């Protein structure tokens, strides 16, 4: 893993050390190899952020949106309405 990728993670955690996976755990999990395997980013900033997220001892915020995700899975008219609205953005 490039030093520049790790540097961002180290910088962000200067004062937030309690949420960071210990170095021994990151080595046991082969975090550098894992990050390289799951990295489908297209920028250095994306790679830095991905590495940082993988090295944090924290649950993803996706659970906060689980109810909305389930609603979109079952409410087809709402999902179609959102798809149509987002298509207008062309992004």
N, C-alpha and C. Protein backbone atom coordinates (compact mmCIF):
# COMPACT_ATOMS: atom_id res chain seq x y z
N UNK A 1 0.85 -1.17 0.00
CA UNK A 1 0.00 0.00 0.00
C UNK A 1 0.89 1.24 0.00
N UNK A 2 0.54 2.19 -0.82
CA UNK A 2 1.32 3.42 -0.93
C UNK A 2 1.28 4.22 0.37
N UNK A 3 2.39 4.89 0.68
CA UNK A 3 2.45 5.69 1.91
C UNK A 3 1.42 6.81 1.90
N UNK A 4 1.19 7.42 0.74
CA UNK A 4 0.22 8.50 0.65
C UNK A 4 -1.19 8.07 1.00
N UNK A 5 -1.52 6.82 0.68
CA UNK A 5 -2.85 6.30 1.00
C UNK A 5 -2.99 6.16 2.51
N UNK A 6 -1.98 5.60 3.15
CA UNK A 6 -2.01 5.41 4.60
C UNK A 6 -1.90 6.74 5.34
N UNK A 7 -1.23 7.71 4.77
CA UNK A 7 -1.01 8.99 5.45
C UNK A 7 -2.32 9.68 5.78
N UNK A 8 -3.28 9.61 4.89
CA UNK A 8 -4.59 10.23 5.13
C UNK A 8 -5.24 9.61 6.36
N UNK A 9 -5.22 8.29 6.43
CA UNK A 9 -5.79 7.58 7.57
C UNK A 9 -5.09 7.99 8.87
N UNK A 10 -3.77 8.02 8.85
CA UNK A 10 -3.01 8.39 10.04
C UNK A 10 -3.32 9.82 10.48
N UNK A 11 -3.43 10.71 9.52
CA UNK A 11 -3.75 12.11 9.83
C UNK A 11 -5.12 12.24 10.49
N UNK A 12 -6.11 11.58 9.96
CA UNK A 12 -7.46 11.69 10.51
C UNK A 12 -7.56 11.12 11.92
N UNK A 13 -6.68 10.21 12.26
CA UNK A 13 -6.79 9.53 13.54
C UNK A 13 -5.81 10.01 14.60
N UNK A 14 -5.20 11.16 14.39
CA UNK A 14 -4.30 11.70 15.40
C UNK A 14 -5.02 11.90 16.74
N UNK A 15 -6.28 12.31 16.68
CA UNK A 15 -7.03 12.61 17.90
C UNK A 15 -8.22 11.67 18.09
N UNK A 16 -8.37 10.68 17.25
CA UNK A 16 -9.52 9.80 17.28
C UNK A 16 -9.06 8.35 17.36
N UNK A 17 -8.10 8.09 18.21
CA UNK A 17 -7.41 6.80 18.24
C UNK A 17 -8.29 5.65 18.74
N UNK A 18 -9.35 5.93 19.51
CA UNK A 18 -10.16 4.84 20.08
C UNK A 18 -10.98 4.10 19.04
N UNK A 19 -11.22 4.69 17.89
CA UNK A 19 -12.04 4.04 16.87
C UNK A 19 -11.20 3.33 15.80
N UNK A 20 -9.89 3.36 15.94
CA UNK A 20 -9.00 2.79 14.94
C UNK A 20 -8.66 1.35 15.32
N UNK A 21 -8.69 0.46 14.33
CA UNK A 21 -8.24 -0.91 14.59
C UNK A 21 -6.76 -0.88 14.95
N UNK A 22 -6.35 -1.62 15.97
CA UNK A 22 -4.93 -1.66 16.31
C UNK A 22 -4.09 -2.20 15.15
N UNK A 23 -2.85 -1.78 15.11
CA UNK A 23 -1.94 -2.20 14.03
C UNK A 23 -1.85 -3.72 13.93
N UNK A 24 -1.82 -4.41 15.07
CA UNK A 24 -1.73 -5.88 15.04
C UNK A 24 -2.95 -6.49 14.37
N UNK A 25 -4.12 -5.92 14.61
CA UNK A 25 -5.36 -6.43 13.99
C UNK A 25 -5.32 -6.15 12.49
N UNK A 26 -4.88 -4.96 12.10
CA UNK A 26 -4.80 -4.64 10.68
C UNK A 26 -3.82 -5.57 9.97
N UNK A 27 -2.72 -5.92 10.64
CA UNK A 27 -1.78 -6.87 10.04
C UNK A 27 -2.39 -8.26 9.95
N UNK A 28 -3.08 -8.70 11.01
CA UNK A 28 -3.72 -10.02 11.00
C UNK A 28 -4.76 -10.13 9.90
N UNK A 29 -5.45 -9.04 9.62
CA UNK A 29 -6.47 -9.03 8.58
C UNK A 29 -5.91 -8.76 7.19
N UNK A 30 -4.59 -8.56 7.11
CA UNK A 30 -3.95 -8.21 5.84
C UNK A 30 -4.67 -7.03 5.19
N UNK A 31 -4.84 -5.97 5.97
CA UNK A 31 -5.65 -4.84 5.54
C UNK A 31 -5.15 -4.23 4.23
N UNK A 32 -3.83 -4.16 4.05
CA UNK A 32 -3.31 -3.60 2.80
C UNK A 32 -3.75 -4.42 1.60
N UNK A 33 -3.64 -5.74 1.72
CA UNK A 33 -4.05 -6.63 0.63
C UNK A 33 -5.56 -6.55 0.40
N UNK A 34 -6.31 -6.53 1.50
CA UNK A 34 -7.78 -6.43 1.39
C UNK A 34 -8.17 -5.15 0.66
N UNK A 35 -7.55 -4.06 1.06
CA UNK A 35 -7.88 -2.77 0.43
C UNK A 35 -7.58 -2.81 -1.06
N UNK A 36 -6.46 -3.39 -1.43
CA UNK A 36 -6.11 -3.47 -2.86
C UNK A 36 -7.09 -4.36 -3.63
N UNK A 37 -7.60 -5.40 -2.99
CA UNK A 37 -8.53 -6.32 -3.65
C UNK A 37 -9.91 -5.70 -3.87
N UNK A 38 -10.37 -4.87 -2.92
CA UNK A 38 -11.71 -4.30 -3.02
C UNK A 38 -11.70 -2.89 -3.61
N UNK A 39 -10.55 -2.41 -3.97
CA UNK A 39 -10.42 -1.04 -4.47
C UNK A 39 -10.86 -0.93 -5.92
N UNK A 40 -12.02 -0.36 -6.12
CA UNK A 40 -12.51 -0.05 -7.46
C UNK A 40 -12.66 1.46 -7.63
N UNK A 41 -11.91 2.20 -6.82
CA UNK A 41 -11.98 3.65 -6.90
C UNK A 41 -11.20 4.12 -8.12
N UNK A 42 -11.42 5.37 -8.50
CA UNK A 42 -10.73 5.90 -9.68
C UNK A 42 -9.88 7.11 -9.34
N UNK A 43 -9.66 7.33 -8.04
CA UNK A 43 -8.84 8.48 -7.65
C UNK A 43 -8.04 8.15 -6.40
N UNK A 44 -7.00 8.91 -6.18
CA UNK A 44 -6.19 8.75 -4.98
C UNK A 44 -7.01 9.07 -3.74
N UNK A 45 -7.83 10.09 -3.83
CA UNK A 45 -8.67 10.47 -2.69
C UNK A 45 -9.63 9.33 -2.35
N UNK A 46 -10.19 8.69 -3.36
CA UNK A 46 -11.07 7.56 -3.13
C UNK A 46 -10.35 6.41 -2.45
N UNK A 47 -9.13 6.12 -2.89
CA UNK A 47 -8.34 5.05 -2.26
C UNK A 47 -8.01 5.40 -0.81
N UNK A 48 -7.69 6.67 -0.55
CA UNK A 48 -7.39 7.09 0.82
C UNK A 48 -8.61 6.90 1.71
N UNK A 49 -9.76 7.31 1.22
CA UNK A 49 -10.98 7.20 2.02
C UNK A 49 -11.35 5.73 2.25
N UNK A 50 -11.23 4.91 1.22
CA UNK A 50 -11.52 3.48 1.36
C UNK A 50 -10.62 2.85 2.41
N UNK A 51 -9.33 3.12 2.36
CA UNK A 51 -8.39 2.56 3.33
C UNK A 51 -8.76 3.02 4.74
N UNK A 52 -9.09 4.29 4.87
CA UNK A 52 -9.46 4.83 6.18
C UNK A 52 -10.69 4.12 6.74
N UNK A 53 -11.71 3.96 5.93
CA UNK A 53 -12.95 3.31 6.38
C UNK A 53 -12.68 1.86 6.78
N UNK A 54 -11.85 1.15 6.02
CA UNK A 54 -11.56 -0.24 6.34
C UNK A 54 -10.79 -0.38 7.65
N UNK A 55 -10.03 0.62 8.01
CA UNK A 55 -9.20 0.55 9.22
C UNK A 55 -9.90 1.04 10.47
N UNK A 56 -11.14 1.41 10.35
CA UNK A 56 -11.88 1.91 11.51
C UNK A 56 -12.63 0.77 12.20
N UNK A 57 -12.69 0.82 13.51
CA UNK A 57 -13.42 -0.17 14.31
C UNK A 57 -14.80 0.40 14.60
N UNK A 58 -15.62 0.42 13.58
CA UNK A 58 -16.89 1.09 13.67
C UNK A 58 -17.88 0.43 12.72
N UNK A 59 -19.12 0.37 13.12
CA UNK A 59 -20.15 -0.23 12.29
C UNK A 59 -20.57 0.78 11.22
N UNK A 60 -20.86 0.30 10.06
CA UNK A 60 -21.29 1.15 8.96
C UNK A 60 -22.58 1.88 9.30
N UNK A 61 -22.75 3.06 8.73
CA UNK A 61 -23.97 3.83 8.95
C UNK A 61 -25.13 3.35 8.09
N UNK A 62 -24.94 2.32 7.30
CA UNK A 62 -25.99 1.82 6.42
C UNK A 62 -27.19 1.36 7.24
N UNK A 63 -26.97 0.84 8.43
CA UNK A 63 -28.06 0.34 9.26
C UNK A 63 -29.08 1.44 9.56
N UNK A 64 -28.64 2.69 9.62
CA UNK A 64 -29.57 3.79 9.88
C UNK A 64 -30.60 3.93 8.77
N UNK A 65 -30.28 3.45 7.59
CA UNK A 65 -31.14 3.62 6.42
C UNK A 65 -31.86 2.32 6.04
N UNK A 66 -31.78 1.32 6.89
CA UNK A 66 -32.35 0.02 6.58
C UNK A 66 -33.86 0.08 6.33
N UNK A 67 -34.58 0.85 7.11
CA UNK A 67 -36.02 0.96 6.94
C UNK A 67 -36.35 1.56 5.56
N UNK A 68 -35.61 2.58 5.15
CA UNK A 68 -35.84 3.20 3.85
C UNK A 68 -35.48 2.22 2.72
N UNK A 69 -34.41 1.47 2.89
CA UNK A 69 -33.99 0.49 1.88
C UNK A 69 -35.08 -0.57 1.71
N UNK A 70 -35.62 -1.05 2.83
CA UNK A 70 -36.70 -2.05 2.76
C UNK A 70 -37.94 -1.48 2.08
N UNK A 71 -38.23 -0.21 2.35
CA UNK A 71 -39.38 0.45 1.72
C UNK A 71 -39.19 0.50 0.20
N UNK A 72 -38.00 0.84 -0.25
CA UNK A 72 -37.73 0.89 -1.69
C UNK A 72 -37.79 -0.49 -2.34
N UNK A 73 -37.47 -1.53 -1.58
CA UNK A 73 -37.52 -2.88 -2.14
C UNK A 73 -38.96 -3.35 -2.34
N UNK A 74 -39.88 -2.86 -1.53
CA UNK A 74 -41.26 -3.35 -1.60
C UNK A 74 -42.22 -2.37 -2.27
N UNK A 75 -41.94 -1.10 -2.22
CA UNK A 75 -42.84 -0.08 -2.79
C UNK A 75 -42.38 0.27 -4.21
N UNK A 76 -42.86 -0.51 -5.18
CA UNK A 76 -42.42 -0.34 -6.57
C UNK A 76 -42.79 1.02 -7.16
N UNK A 77 -43.99 1.55 -6.91
CA UNK A 77 -44.30 2.89 -7.45
C UNK A 77 -43.36 3.98 -6.91
N UNK A 78 -43.06 3.91 -5.62
CA UNK A 78 -42.13 4.89 -5.03
C UNK A 78 -40.74 4.75 -5.66
N UNK A 79 -40.30 3.51 -5.80
CA UNK A 79 -38.98 3.27 -6.40
C UNK A 79 -38.94 3.80 -7.83
N UNK A 80 -39.98 3.54 -8.61
CA UNK A 80 -40.02 4.04 -9.99
C UNK A 80 -40.02 5.56 -10.04
N UNK A 81 -40.75 6.17 -9.12
CA UNK A 81 -40.79 7.63 -9.04
C UNK A 81 -39.39 8.19 -8.75
N UNK A 82 -38.68 7.57 -7.82
CA UNK A 82 -37.33 8.02 -7.49
C UNK A 82 -36.36 7.81 -8.66
N UNK A 83 -36.49 6.68 -9.33
CA UNK A 83 -35.63 6.40 -10.48
C UNK A 83 -35.85 7.45 -11.56
N UNK A 84 -37.12 7.77 -11.84
CA UNK A 84 -37.42 8.78 -12.85
C UNK A 84 -36.88 10.15 -12.46
N UNK A 85 -37.01 10.51 -11.20
CA UNK A 85 -36.50 11.80 -10.74
C UNK A 85 -34.98 11.86 -10.85
N UNK A 86 -34.32 10.77 -10.49
CA UNK A 86 -32.86 10.75 -10.55
C UNK A 86 -32.34 10.72 -11.99
N UNK A 87 -33.09 10.10 -12.89
CA UNK A 87 -32.68 10.07 -14.29
C UNK A 87 -32.66 11.47 -14.90
N UNK A 88 -33.52 12.35 -14.40
CA UNK A 88 -33.54 13.72 -14.89
C UNK A 88 -32.26 14.46 -14.56
N UNK A 89 -31.58 14.01 -13.51
CA UNK A 89 -30.30 14.63 -13.12
C UNK A 89 -29.18 14.20 -14.07
N UNK A 90 -29.37 13.06 -14.73
CA UNK A 90 -28.40 12.52 -15.68
C UNK A 90 -27.03 12.30 -15.03
N UNK A 91 -27.04 11.87 -13.82
CA UNK A 91 -25.78 11.59 -13.09
C UNK A 91 -25.90 10.27 -12.38
